[in-house]
Amino acid sequence: MVRVAMTRTSGNNIFFTKKRAAIATSLALLFALFIKGYLDAGLNMSLRKGTEPMGSIGSAVSSDGPEKNTSADTKASKTEPHDAKKEAKKKSGGIFSKNQLVNCDKRDGDEDRWSNRPHTKSSVQSLFNCDLPDSHCKYYYPANFFCDECGLGKEFSHYVEDAKAKKANGTLWNHMPAVGFPTLTMENVCFEVKGGLKIRPEDEKTAVSESVLTEIGMHIKEQEDGTQSRCLTERLSFLHVHKSGGSSLHGAFNNVSPNPHAKLVRHKFFTPSNNPGKVKENPYNERMENFTLSSLEGASKYPDEKFSPMQHVIFAVVRDPTERFISSIGQAMGASGSGRNKIGPVLKEACIKTTSKETLKCVAKYVRDHGYWIELHFTPQVVDIAFTTMFQDVPVALFPMKPHLKTILEYFGTGKIKQRDGSATNYRSHPILTNMTVADYDEETSEIVCKLYEMDVRMQRSLGMKVPRCDPYIANDYDFDLE
């Protein structure tokens, strides 16, 4: 029995020993798995911690290193150069603008804008070819500027509607000069290179205003007497931007027109009423408006080979608004040619002070409070250009008055035609006005005038022209494409 009992006891011991061994093995395995899991977790945490700056928070990471990130961060890295360009653009000026348009999405009819039309850049030598790399002019698009959807000056477009309404009801620029533009056709009109006004004589009139012009542009030719002549073949129209050398340019056109190889045609389409609020029906005015509209259909950039019968290049000269305002004051207060404007005596009574500085400030406030329409010569230059082109979509070659008014006059055979000189004795109606200069601006007056003519500042900047006196008051929010 004992043996058996002992045998049973031994069997039980063996069973329990094996069982304890199995349990110990399992516990050891579980402990090993626990330790491994703990270490793996710690390793993953350390890896994750080290890679967080490179990826998004919570991105998958394995013990082999960070996985390829397919999140938005990768997309951002791909667009980084574009974002860098946008940032650089912001720093360089801000909102992108080209051809006096801003953020202009393509719409039906946009391809018909003059600025969007296909154009072969012209290599013809002419002062009025803005395509030349050394040109003094830039093409400007008045219809783009005042586009009420995406124009550079869209917030000023109501002035265009005001001008149309006042013209229709007979209250626009009463008692003031007529508005229009001349077109000069020159077919081999020659000037002596060193002869100033002297023009080559001819026996008979040969120029025709509606002819095809070939061999266009400016050419230097040897004459039979051994002298050199500068000969012009082109058709040009001139917009008179008031107080920007316009009278002198009219004088230059008039000086050339008697030449047998030249023909001058005038488009005087608007004569202000002398009876405010009354519109007199005049068949001549209607015919002239239709004639002018028809002529504007032929406006173009400078051609590369020839001028077609109705084709012409329109140009104008613009001026620093702060300088122009002083000239406008002298003109509006009764200078030669403006004695009948009715507003002159009112301005003189209200604003002639003991100094030109006080007078300048007073008139600036008067125009601010009463508006531009009180006198033609206070009209912003962009409105002047838009009105004279009858609000049509045309390109205009624009020149800065300084220094290129003289350049243009010399091109037409003289640099000495100066019809109106505000500093000349007795030209302006009072010594205070004669002595007024830009030195009379203080900060307050500068700010008033610059804000009055912000639309002109914006237009000139869009063409690469500087308006330094207005920089402190008119933010330069645009990055202009000047190509």
Protein backbone atom coordinates (compact mmCIF):
# COMPACT_ATOMS: atom_id res chain seq x y z
CA MET A 1 0.00 0.00 0.00
CA VAL A 2 2.63 2.27 0.90
CA ARG A 3 4.32 1.55 -2.32
CA VAL A 4 1.23 2.25 -4.20
CA ALA A 5 0.57 5.29 -2.11
CA MET A 6 4.05 6.42 -2.67
CA THR A 7 3.54 5.71 -6.28
CA ARG A 8 0.45 7.90 -6.36
CA THR A 9 2.23 10.57 -4.45
CA SER A 10 5.09 10.55 -6.88
CA GLY A 11 2.68 10.74 -9.80
CA ASN A 12 0.94 13.71 -8.30
CA ASN A 13 4.23 15.43 -7.67
CA ILE A 14 5.26 14.89 -11.23
CA PHE A 15 1.92 16.23 -12.47
CA PHE A 16 2.07 19.33 -10.30
CA THR A 17 5.72 19.90 -11.17
CA LYS A 18 4.93 19.84 -14.87
CA LYS A 19 1.96 22.10 -14.30
CA ARG A 20 4.03 24.60 -12.34
CA ALA A 21 6.65 24.57 -15.06
CA ALA A 22 4.02 25.27 -17.70
CA ILE A 23 2.62 28.13 -15.65
CA ALA A 24 6.09 29.55 -15.08
CA THR A 25 6.83 29.32 -18.78
CA SER A 26 3.59 31.09 -19.62
CA LEU A 27 4.28 33.79 -17.08
CA ALA A 28 7.76 34.24 -18.41
CA LEU A 29 6.41 34.47 -21.95
CA LEU A 30 3.78 36.99 -20.90
CA PHE A 31 6.41 38.99 -19.04
CA ALA A 32 8.67 38.91 -22.09
CA LEU A 33 5.82 40.05 -24.30
CA PHE A 34 5.02 42.80 -21.81
CA ILE A 35 8.61 44.02 -21.78
CA LYS A 36 8.80 43.90 -25.57
CA GLY A 37 5.55 45.84 -25.90
CA TYR A 38 6.76 48.39 -23.41
CA LEU A 39 10.06 48.86 -25.22
CA ASP A 40 8.36 49.02 -28.62
CA ALA A 41 5.92 51.60 -27.32
CA GLY A 42 8.75 53.65 -25.91
CA LEU A 43 10.65 53.41 -29.17
CA ASN A 44 7.59 54.44 -31.17
CA MET A 45 6.97 57.39 -28.88
CA SER A 46 10.53 58.57 -29.21
CA LEU A 47 10.42 58.22 -32.99
CA ARG A 48 7.11 59.98 -33.16
CA LYS A 49 8.34 62.78 -30.98
CA GLY A 50 11.35 63.26 -33.19
CA THR A 51 9.32 63.43 -36.44
CA GLU A 52 6.41 65.63 -35.43
CA PRO A 53 7.96 68.86 -36.85
CA MET A 54 8.24 67.28 -40.31
CA GLY A 55 4.67 66.01 -40.55
CA SER A 56 1.20 66.54 -39.27
CA ILE A 57 0.43 65.64 -35.68
CA GLY A 58 -0.57 61.95 -35.47
CA SER A 59 1.02 60.82 -38.73
CA ALA A 60 1.88 57.11 -38.90
CA VAL A 61 5.43 56.21 -37.87
CA SER A 62 7.03 52.72 -37.61
CA SER A 63 10.20 51.46 -36.01
CA ASP A 64 11.78 51.63 -39.44
CA GLY A 65 11.38 55.40 -39.56
CA PRO A 66 8.72 57.86 -40.73
CA GLU A 67 6.42 56.68 -43.49
CA LYS A 68 5.93 58.73 -46.67
CA ASN A 69 3.55 61.52 -45.82
CA THR A 70 0.57 61.75 -48.15
CA SER A 71 -1.19 64.44 -46.14
CA ALA A 72 -1.87 68.09 -47.07
CA ASP A 73 1.65 68.95 -45.93
CA THR A 74 3.08 67.26 -49.01
CA LYS A 75 0.74 69.28 -51.23
CA ALA A 76 1.81 72.44 -49.46
CA SER A 77 5.46 71.63 -50.08
CA LYS A 78 4.75 71.18 -53.78
CA THR A 79 3.14 74.65 -54.02
CA GLU A 80 5.76 76.41 -51.94
CA PRO A 81 7.45 78.16 -54.91
CA HIS A 82 4.07 79.55 -56.00
CA ASP A 83 3.32 80.77 -52.49
CA ALA A 84 6.78 82.32 -52.34
CA LYS A 85 6.03 84.21 -55.56
CA LYS A 86 2.74 85.42 -54.17
CA GLU A 87 4.50 86.59 -51.02
CA ALA A 88 7.16 88.35 -53.07
CA LYS A 89 4.43 90.00 -55.12
CA LYS A 90 2.77 91.23 -51.94
CA LYS A 91 6.03 92.73 -50.78
CA SER A 92 6.71 94.37 -54.16
CA GLY A 93 3.38 96.16 -54.43
CA GLY A 94 0.37 93.98 -53.83
CA ILE A 95 -2.61 93.51 -56.12
CA PHE A 96 -1.61 92.57 -59.67
CA SER A 97 -2.77 94.92 -62.44
CA LYS A 98 -2.18 94.84 -66.18
CA ASN A 99 -3.53 97.22 -68.83
CA GLN A 100 -5.52 99.08 -66.13
CA LEU A 101 -7.44 95.90 -65.17
CA VAL A 102 -7.46 94.12 -61.80
CA ASN A 103 -8.55 90.50 -61.16
CA CYS A 104 -10.54 90.47 -64.37
CA ASP A 105 -11.96 86.98 -64.94
CA LYS A 106 -12.54 86.03 -68.56
CA ARG A 107 -16.05 86.79 -69.69
CA ASP A 108 -17.94 86.83 -72.97
CA GLY A 109 -16.65 89.69 -75.08
CA ASP A 110 -13.37 90.14 -73.19
CA GLU A 111 -11.42 89.08 -76.27
CA ASP A 112 -12.77 92.22 -77.95
CA ARG A 113 -11.09 94.55 -75.47
CA TRP A 114 -8.44 96.57 -77.25
CA SER A 115 -5.88 95.43 -74.73
CA ASN A 116 -6.65 91.76 -75.55
CA ARG A 117 -6.54 92.04 -79.32
CA PRO A 118 -3.70 90.33 -81.18
CA HIS A 119 -1.04 92.91 -82.02
CA THR A 120 2.23 92.50 -83.88
CA LYS A 121 4.70 94.78 -82.16
CA SER A 122 5.85 97.49 -84.52
CA SER A 123 9.52 98.17 -85.19
CA VAL A 124 8.82 101.38 -87.15
CA GLN A 125 10.87 104.36 -85.99
CA SER A 126 8.46 106.97 -84.65
CA LEU A 127 8.18 108.95 -81.44
CA PHE A 128 4.61 107.67 -81.17
CA ASN A 129 5.43 103.96 -81.47
CA CYS A 130 5.16 102.77 -77.87
CA ASP A 131 6.32 99.27 -78.90
CA LEU A 132 9.93 100.39 -79.30
CA PRO A 133 12.22 99.40 -76.43
CA ASP A 134 13.42 102.99 -75.95
CA SER A 135 9.98 104.55 -76.35
CA HIS A 136 8.93 107.53 -74.22
CA CYS A 137 5.25 106.52 -74.23
CA LYS A 138 3.02 103.75 -72.89
CA TYR A 139 -0.33 102.56 -74.21
CA TYR A 140 -3.23 103.40 -71.92
CA TYR A 141 -6.77 102.00 -72.13
CA PRO A 142 -9.37 104.46 -70.73
CA ALA A 143 -12.27 101.99 -71.12
CA ASN A 144 -10.34 99.42 -69.05
CA PHE A 145 -9.58 101.93 -66.32
CA PHE A 146 -13.24 102.80 -65.77
CA CYS A 147 -14.61 99.27 -66.23
CA ASP A 148 -17.13 99.02 -63.38
CA GLU A 149 -16.38 95.32 -62.82
CA CYS A 150 -12.62 95.04 -62.83
CA GLY A 151 -11.12 98.38 -63.83
CA LEU A 152 -8.20 99.87 -61.97
CA GLY A 153 -10.40 102.93 -61.35
CA LYS A 154 -13.77 101.20 -61.04
CA GLU A 155 -14.64 103.08 -57.83
CA PHE A 156 -14.38 106.31 -59.85
CA SER A 157 -16.58 105.13 -62.74
CA HIS A 158 -19.54 107.18 -61.47
CA TYR A 159 -17.72 110.28 -62.72
CA VAL A 160 -18.11 108.93 -66.25
CA GLU A 161 -21.85 108.59 -65.69
CA ASP A 162 -21.94 112.10 -64.17
CA ALA A 163 -20.24 113.54 -67.26
CA LYS A 164 -22.70 111.80 -69.59
CA ALA A 165 -25.69 113.00 -67.58
CA LYS A 166 -24.46 116.59 -67.34
CA LYS A 167 -23.71 116.67 -71.06
CA ALA A 168 -27.23 115.40 -71.78
CA ASN A 169 -28.95 117.96 -69.54
CA GLY A 170 -26.85 120.97 -70.57
CA THR A 171 -24.98 121.54 -67.29
CA LEU A 172 -21.50 120.34 -68.27
CA TRP A 173 -18.72 122.95 -68.31
CA ASN A 174 -21.02 125.87 -69.15
CA HIS A 175 -19.35 128.94 -70.70
CA MET A 176 -16.16 126.96 -71.31
CA PRO A 177 -14.15 125.89 -74.39
CA ALA A 178 -15.28 123.28 -76.92
CA VAL A 179 -13.95 119.73 -76.64
CA GLY A 180 -12.61 117.49 -79.42
CA PHE A 181 -9.38 116.44 -81.06
CA PRO A 182 -7.47 117.13 -84.29
CA THR A 183 -6.07 114.45 -86.60
CA LEU A 184 -2.96 115.24 -88.62
CA THR A 185 -2.05 113.20 -91.69
CA MET A 186 1.57 113.63 -92.81
CA GLU A 187 2.74 112.03 -96.03
CA ASN A 188 6.47 112.65 -96.33
CA VAL A 189 6.43 115.95 -94.43
CA CYS A 190 10.07 116.97 -94.05
CA PHE A 191 11.83 119.31 -91.62
CA GLU A 192 15.41 120.45 -91.84
CA VAL A 193 17.28 118.56 -89.14
CA LYS A 194 18.87 121.79 -87.88
CA GLY A 195 16.29 124.16 -89.23
CA GLY A 196 13.66 124.29 -86.52
CA LEU A 197 10.44 125.55 -88.04
CA LYS A 198 11.62 125.60 -91.62
CA ILE A 199 9.64 123.08 -93.65
CA ARG A 200 10.58 121.85 -97.12
CA PRO A 201 8.57 123.83 -99.70
CA GLU A 202 6.34 122.03 -102.21
CA ASP A 203 4.33 123.25 -105.19
CA GLU A 204 0.99 121.57 -104.60
CA LYS A 205 -1.15 120.01 -101.91
CA THR A 206 -0.81 116.22 -102.05
CA ALA A 207 -1.79 114.86 -98.61
CA VAL A 208 -5.16 113.16 -98.33
CA SER A 209 -6.64 112.56 -94.87
CA GLU A 210 -8.12 109.15 -95.79
CA SER A 211 -5.32 107.67 -97.87
CA VAL A 212 -3.21 104.56 -97.35
CA LEU A 213 0.19 105.57 -95.95
CA THR A 214 3.21 103.42 -96.75
CA GLU A 215 6.89 103.75 -95.81
CA ILE A 216 5.61 105.00 -92.49
CA GLY A 217 7.43 106.54 -89.57
CA MET A 218 10.40 108.88 -89.38
CA HIS A 219 13.18 108.78 -91.98
CA ILE A 220 16.34 110.86 -92.35
CA LYS A 221 16.80 111.87 -95.98
CA GLU A 222 19.55 113.65 -97.88
CA GLN A 223 18.28 116.65 -99.85
CA GLU A 224 19.65 117.92 -103.18
CA ASP A 225 21.41 120.82 -101.47
CA GLY A 226 23.32 118.41 -99.21
CA THR A 227 21.31 119.10 -96.06
CA GLN A 228 19.55 116.43 -94.07
CA SER A 229 15.81 116.35 -93.54
CA ARG A 230 13.72 114.44 -91.05
CA CYS A 231 10.64 113.21 -92.91
CA LEU A 232 7.42 111.95 -91.33
CA THR A 233 4.72 109.71 -92.77
CA GLU A 234 2.01 108.89 -90.22
CA ARG A 235 -1.51 109.77 -89.05
CA LEU A 236 -1.77 111.09 -85.51
CA SER A 237 -4.59 112.37 -83.32
CA PHE A 238 -3.94 114.53 -80.30
CA LEU A 239 -6.08 114.61 -77.14
CA HIS A 240 -5.97 117.92 -75.33
CA VAL A 241 -5.58 117.07 -71.63
CA HIS A 242 -6.17 120.50 -70.15
CA LYS A 243 -3.22 122.16 -68.39
CA SER A 244 -0.76 119.58 -69.70
CA GLY A 245 0.77 121.45 -72.62
CA GLY A 246 -2.30 121.08 -74.81
CA SER A 247 -2.29 124.59 -76.26
CA SER A 248 1.36 124.20 -77.27
CA LEU A 249 0.58 120.91 -79.02
CA HIS A 250 -2.32 122.51 -80.87
CA GLY A 251 0.16 125.14 -81.97
CA ALA A 252 2.54 122.45 -83.25
CA PHE A 253 -0.24 120.78 -85.29
CA ASN A 254 -1.30 124.15 -86.69
CA ASN A 255 2.30 124.88 -87.56
CA VAL A 256 2.61 121.72 -89.65
CA SER A 257 -0.81 121.76 -91.31
CA PRO A 258 0.00 124.36 -94.05
CA ASN A 259 2.59 122.00 -95.51
CA PRO A 260 1.36 120.60 -98.85
CA HIS A 261 2.09 117.08 -97.62
CA ALA A 262 -0.07 117.50 -94.49
CA LYS A 263 -3.79 117.50 -93.82
CA LEU A 264 -5.48 118.55 -90.57
CA VAL A 265 -9.00 117.38 -89.69
CA ARG A 266 -10.77 118.55 -86.52
CA HIS A 267 -13.27 116.56 -84.47
CA LYS A 268 -14.94 119.24 -82.33
CA PHE A 269 -17.87 117.19 -81.08
CA PHE A 270 -18.95 119.07 -77.93
CA THR A 271 -19.54 122.76 -77.34
CA PRO A 272 -20.71 123.54 -73.78
CA SER A 273 -23.92 125.49 -73.42
CA ASN A 274 -23.92 129.13 -72.43
CA ASN A 275 -27.40 128.62 -70.99
CA PRO A 276 -27.06 126.14 -68.11
CA GLY A 277 -29.72 123.45 -68.19
CA LYS A 278 -30.76 124.14 -71.78
CA VAL A 279 -29.77 121.80 -74.59
CA LYS A 280 -30.08 123.32 -78.03
CA GLU A 281 -30.68 120.87 -80.84
CA ASN A 282 -28.04 121.42 -83.49
CA PRO A 283 -27.77 119.20 -86.60
CA TYR A 284 -24.10 120.16 -86.95
CA ASN A 285 -23.30 118.85 -83.44
CA GLU A 286 -25.06 115.57 -84.19
CA ARG A 287 -23.16 115.14 -87.45
CA MET A 288 -19.87 115.96 -85.73
CA GLU A 289 -20.54 113.44 -82.96
CA ASN A 290 -21.25 110.72 -85.51
CA PHE A 291 -18.16 111.70 -87.50
CA THR A 292 -16.00 111.57 -84.37
CA LEU A 293 -17.37 108.18 -83.33
CA SER A 294 -16.63 106.86 -86.81
CA SER A 295 -13.09 108.22 -86.62
CA LEU A 296 -12.48 106.63 -83.23
CA GLU A 297 -13.20 103.23 -84.79
CA GLY A 298 -9.92 103.64 -86.67
CA ALA A 299 -7.82 104.29 -83.57
CA SER A 300 -5.02 101.76 -83.09
CA LYS A 301 -1.57 101.10 -81.76
CA TYR A 302 1.27 102.03 -84.07
CA PRO A 303 1.14 99.82 -87.20
CA ASP A 304 4.05 97.73 -88.43
CA GLU A 305 3.76 98.30 -92.19
CA LYS A 306 1.21 100.92 -93.20
CA PHE A 307 -1.65 103.15 -92.08
CA SER A 308 -4.96 102.08 -93.60
CA PRO A 309 -7.26 104.90 -94.82
CA MET A 310 -9.00 105.53 -91.45
CA GLN A 311 -6.24 104.30 -89.15
CA HIS A 312 -4.63 106.72 -86.70
CA VAL A 313 -2.65 106.67 -83.45
CA ILE A 314 -4.07 108.75 -80.60
CA PHE A 315 -1.64 110.35 -78.17
CA ALA A 316 -1.85 112.63 -75.15
CA VAL A 317 0.41 114.23 -72.57
CA VAL A 318 -0.29 113.93 -68.83
CA ARG A 319 1.13 115.86 -65.91
CA ASP A 320 1.93 115.44 -62.22
CA PRO A 321 -1.44 116.25 -60.57
CA THR A 322 0.06 118.58 -57.96
CA GLU A 323 1.76 120.70 -60.63
CA ARG A 324 -1.27 120.62 -62.88
CA PHE A 325 -3.57 121.80 -60.07
CA ILE A 326 -1.59 125.02 -59.69
CA SER A 327 -1.88 125.66 -63.42
CA SER A 328 -5.60 124.86 -63.26
CA ILE A 329 -6.08 127.44 -60.49
CA GLY A 330 -4.44 130.16 -62.56
CA GLN A 331 -6.57 129.25 -65.57
CA ALA A 332 -9.86 128.94 -63.69
CA MET A 333 -9.39 132.31 -61.99
CA GLY A 334 -9.51 134.19 -65.25
CA ALA A 335 -6.29 133.54 -67.14
CA SER A 336 -6.17 134.20 -70.87
CA GLY A 337 -8.86 132.12 -72.59
CA SER A 338 -11.02 131.59 -69.50
CA GLY A 339 -12.45 135.05 -68.89
CA ARG A 340 -16.02 133.93 -69.60
CA ASN A 341 -16.19 130.91 -67.30
CA LYS A 342 -18.29 132.66 -64.57
CA ILE A 343 -16.58 130.75 -61.74
CA GLY A 344 -13.37 132.81 -61.88
CA PRO A 345 -14.72 135.86 -59.98
CA VAL A 346 -16.33 133.56 -57.39
CA LEU A 347 -13.04 131.76 -56.74
CA LYS A 348 -11.10 135.00 -56.55
CA GLU A 349 -13.56 136.48 -54.07
CA ALA A 350 -13.43 133.36 -51.90
CA CYS A 351 -9.77 132.44 -52.08
CA ILE A 352 -7.35 135.21 -52.99
CA LYS A 353 -5.44 135.59 -49.72
CA THR A 354 -2.35 137.47 -48.63
CA THR A 355 -0.01 134.65 -49.72
CA SER A 356 0.02 132.12 -52.54
CA LYS A 357 0.27 129.31 -49.95
CA GLU A 358 -2.99 130.34 -48.29
CA THR A 359 -4.64 130.80 -51.68
CA LEU A 360 -3.59 127.33 -52.83
CA LYS A 361 -5.00 125.73 -49.69
CA CYS A 362 -8.28 127.63 -50.03
CA VAL A 363 -8.85 126.56 -53.64
CA ALA A 364 -7.97 122.95 -52.83
CA LYS A 365 -10.67 122.93 -50.15
CA TYR A 366 -13.13 124.71 -52.47
CA VAL A 367 -12.75 122.08 -55.20
CA ARG A 368 -12.94 119.31 -52.61
CA ASP A 369 -16.20 120.74 -51.25
CA HIS A 370 -17.83 121.80 -54.56
CA GLY A 371 -16.55 119.17 -56.98
CA TYR A 372 -14.55 119.05 -60.20
CA TRP A 373 -17.39 120.14 -62.46
CA ILE A 374 -17.22 123.80 -61.44
CA GLU A 375 -14.51 124.37 -64.08
CA LEU A 376 -13.25 122.32 -67.03
CA HIS A 377 -9.60 122.70 -66.04
CA PHE A 378 -10.15 121.00 -62.66
CA THR A 379 -11.36 117.81 -64.37
CA PRO A 380 -9.18 114.77 -63.55
CA GLN A 381 -6.98 113.79 -66.46
CA VAL A 382 -8.45 110.28 -66.71
CA VAL A 383 -11.96 111.77 -67.05
CA ASP A 384 -10.67 114.31 -69.59
CA ILE A 385 -9.20 111.49 -71.72
CA ALA A 386 -12.28 109.27 -71.41
CA PHE A 387 -14.63 112.13 -72.37
CA THR A 388 -12.55 113.25 -75.35
CA THR A 389 -12.47 109.68 -76.68
CA MET A 390 -16.27 109.59 -76.21
CA PHE A 391 -15.91 106.73 -73.70
CA GLN A 392 -14.87 104.36 -76.48
CA ASP A 393 -12.44 101.45 -76.07
CA VAL A 394 -9.31 102.78 -77.75
CA PRO A 395 -5.56 102.69 -77.02
CA VAL A 396 -3.93 106.03 -76.22
CA ALA A 397 -0.18 106.61 -76.33
CA LEU A 398 0.56 108.58 -73.15
CA PHE A 399 3.65 110.70 -72.50
CA PRO A 400 4.67 112.37 -69.24
CA MET A 401 4.78 116.14 -69.67
CA LYS A 402 8.21 116.29 -68.04
CA PRO A 403 10.47 115.96 -69.90
CA HIS A 404 8.73 114.89 -73.11
CA LEU A 405 6.47 117.81 -74.04
CA LYS A 406 9.53 119.50 -75.50
CA THR A 407 10.55 116.24 -77.21
CA ILE A 408 7.17 116.10 -78.98
CA LEU A 409 7.27 119.74 -80.01
CA GLU A 410 10.75 119.28 -81.47
CA TYR A 411 9.54 116.20 -83.37
CA PHE A 412 7.02 118.45 -85.14
CA GLY A 413 9.69 120.98 -86.07
CA THR A 414 9.94 123.23 -83.05
CA GLY A 415 10.60 123.15 -79.34
CA LYS A 416 9.72 126.79 -78.86
CA ILE A 417 5.94 126.88 -79.30
CA LYS A 418 4.60 127.73 -75.86
CA GLN A 419 1.10 129.10 -76.13
CA ARG A 420 0.47 129.65 -72.42
CA ASP A 421 2.98 130.38 -69.68
CA GLY A 422 1.53 130.71 -66.19
CA SER A 423 4.66 132.40 -64.87
CA ALA A 424 4.58 135.13 -67.53
CA THR A 425 3.67 138.63 -66.37
CA ASN A 426 -0.05 139.45 -66.77
CA TYR A 427 -0.99 135.97 -68.04
CA ARG A 428 -2.72 135.06 -64.78
CA SER A 429 -5.23 137.49 -63.33
CA HIS A 430 -3.47 138.24 -60.03
CA PRO A 431 0.17 138.44 -58.84
CA ILE A 432 -0.58 135.89 -56.08
CA LEU A 433 -1.47 133.39 -58.83
CA THR A 434 1.54 134.28 -60.97
CA ASN A 435 3.87 133.58 -58.06
CA MET A 436 2.23 130.30 -56.99
CA THR A 437 4.50 127.22 -57.23
CA VAL A 438 4.69 123.70 -55.82
CA ALA A 439 6.77 125.14 -52.97
CA ASP A 440 3.47 126.51 -51.61
CA TYR A 441 2.20 123.03 -50.75
CA ASP A 442 2.16 122.06 -47.10
CA GLU A 443 1.15 118.62 -45.80
CA GLU A 444 -2.54 119.41 -45.49
CA THR A 445 -2.85 120.88 -48.98
CA SER A 446 -0.78 118.08 -50.49
CA GLU A 447 -3.06 115.48 -48.96
CA ILE A 448 -6.21 117.23 -50.17
CA VAL A 449 -4.97 117.56 -53.76
CA CYS A 450 -3.51 114.06 -53.96
CA LYS A 451 -6.75 112.53 -52.72
CA LEU A 452 -8.77 114.71 -55.09
CA TYR A 453 -6.74 113.30 -57.98
CA GLU A 454 -6.14 109.79 -56.71
CA MET A 455 -7.49 108.41 -59.99
CA ASP A 456 -4.79 110.30 -61.92
CA VAL A 457 -2.11 109.09 -59.53
CA ARG A 458 -3.25 105.51 -60.00
CA MET A 459 -3.33 105.84 -63.80
CA GLN A 460 0.14 107.34 -63.98
CA ARG A 461 1.62 104.71 -61.67
CA SER A 462 0.10 102.01 -63.89
CA LEU A 463 2.26 103.37 -66.72
CA GLY A 464 5.46 103.57 -64.69
CA MET A 465 5.23 107.31 -64.05
CA LYS A 466 6.24 108.61 -60.62
CA VAL A 467 4.08 110.96 -58.55
CA PRO A 468 6.38 111.45 -55.54
CA ARG A 469 4.45 114.24 -53.79
CA CYS A 470 1.46 111.91 -53.47
CA ASP A 471 3.32 108.84 -52.21
CA PRO A 472 2.74 109.71 -48.52
CA TYR A 473 -1.03 110.07 -49.07
CA ILE A 474 -2.01 107.55 -51.76
CA ALA A 475 -1.11 103.96 -50.92
CA ASN A 476 0.62 102.02 -53.67
CA ASP A 477 -1.44 98.84 -53.41
CA TYR A 478 -0.77 97.52 -56.90
CA ASP A 479 1.91 95.50 -58.63
CA PHE A 480 1.77 96.87 -62.19
CA ASP A 481 2.79 94.91 -65.28
CA LEU A 482 4.61 97.52 -67.36
CA GLU A 483 5.44 95.31 -70.35
